[in-house]
């Protein structure tokens, strides 16, 4: 029986919810005034549902039919689930109608693999051409590239999309072979490499690219994960790596035992560590080491690093460089700038930091002000850690994806 448009939308939007690599553009585009989708260069503003789906973009699959049998995926070929597929024009019409009603500001388009990789990529390309050329839609479009598709199709899609991504999913070839035998790391990264090189040949900045890693489905450590992320950033392949706590949706002998909650705290700590890689000039092997290959779920990664490297502390707030100040737990980039500005006029004490509204909850154990140091806690790793985790401090709990009250605060 032919499915109506509402049933297709329900099936294919629900099937897309496990992909977290859905981000706003942040891209600057030169749109002509009056064209559909032309907007301010500040990009897309998000709202999110409780389970993490972005609702300012139409986040949907072209189809959830798939020839692959990835153990962790709800859409794998061996699953007996409702299936549906949009025709390119059908999906383009939905996107435009939703946009005109102000339901969305753009499109996040992924797909299962129907028939073969190139056939699926051709359908995606046809959808984009209808949107861009027929409807003159200049809004944000993020496309999930299909590993194994031809580079000619990748090139055409890159020309029409604002952002592209290709999900590695698992951190090692061994895990991919076990859980996703149709995929290899090289196969997933090939379209991203081609998109990067294509932009560089034309003297442009590479198109924004991202990937997703599933956390907790396989035994890799946080060190393995951050090493991979760092390598991808260093090669200018990606703007973002997204970390997705493993959610059991299938029964499979190679998957972990079903757990009551996904590892959301671990996911959050990896995002914090990723932030240190991208904006705080940390290297992956500083954050996690052979001795400590996994992040401490009770401490943010910068505090975890500081406790393992007390030789650099306590740091004198009036003498430390900007780079050194950024490594103090609890002191973020804005706080560092406040300190640097205030230091031009006077030497700072603890009271001055409080007047600048700089939180000292964590920083106080790692700094001196005019050689003055807090004296209540001995300067030893275990003593400081105990103080940081003392009962009267709010205990870190397993948060929902959008309950940040338990894990808030600057890095």
Foldseek 3Di string as FASTA:
>chain_A
DDDDPVVQLVVFQVLQLQDQPDDWQLAADDDDPPFALDDDSNTDDFDADLQRDTFQASGGEQWLAADWAFQQHCSGNPHDDDIDHHQLVRVLVVRVVCVVVSRHSYYEYEYHADPHQQVRLVRVLSNLCCNCPVRVHPTAYEYEHDQPYDLVSLVSVLVRHQEYEFAPAALAQVVCCVRTVVDGPCSRLVSLVSQCVVQVVVVHHRRAYEYEYEPDFDDDALLSVLLVVLVCVVVSSHPYYAYGFRQHPHDDPSGDDHDPDTPQLQRVLSVLVVCCVPPLVDHSCLQAHPVRRHDDSFDRSLLVSCLVCVVLFLAELLPDDLSSQCSQPQQHNVLSVVSVVVSVPHFDAPVNSVVVVRDCLRRLLGYHGVNHHDDPFPNHSVRSVCSSCPPVPQGQDRDRPPPCPRPDGHD
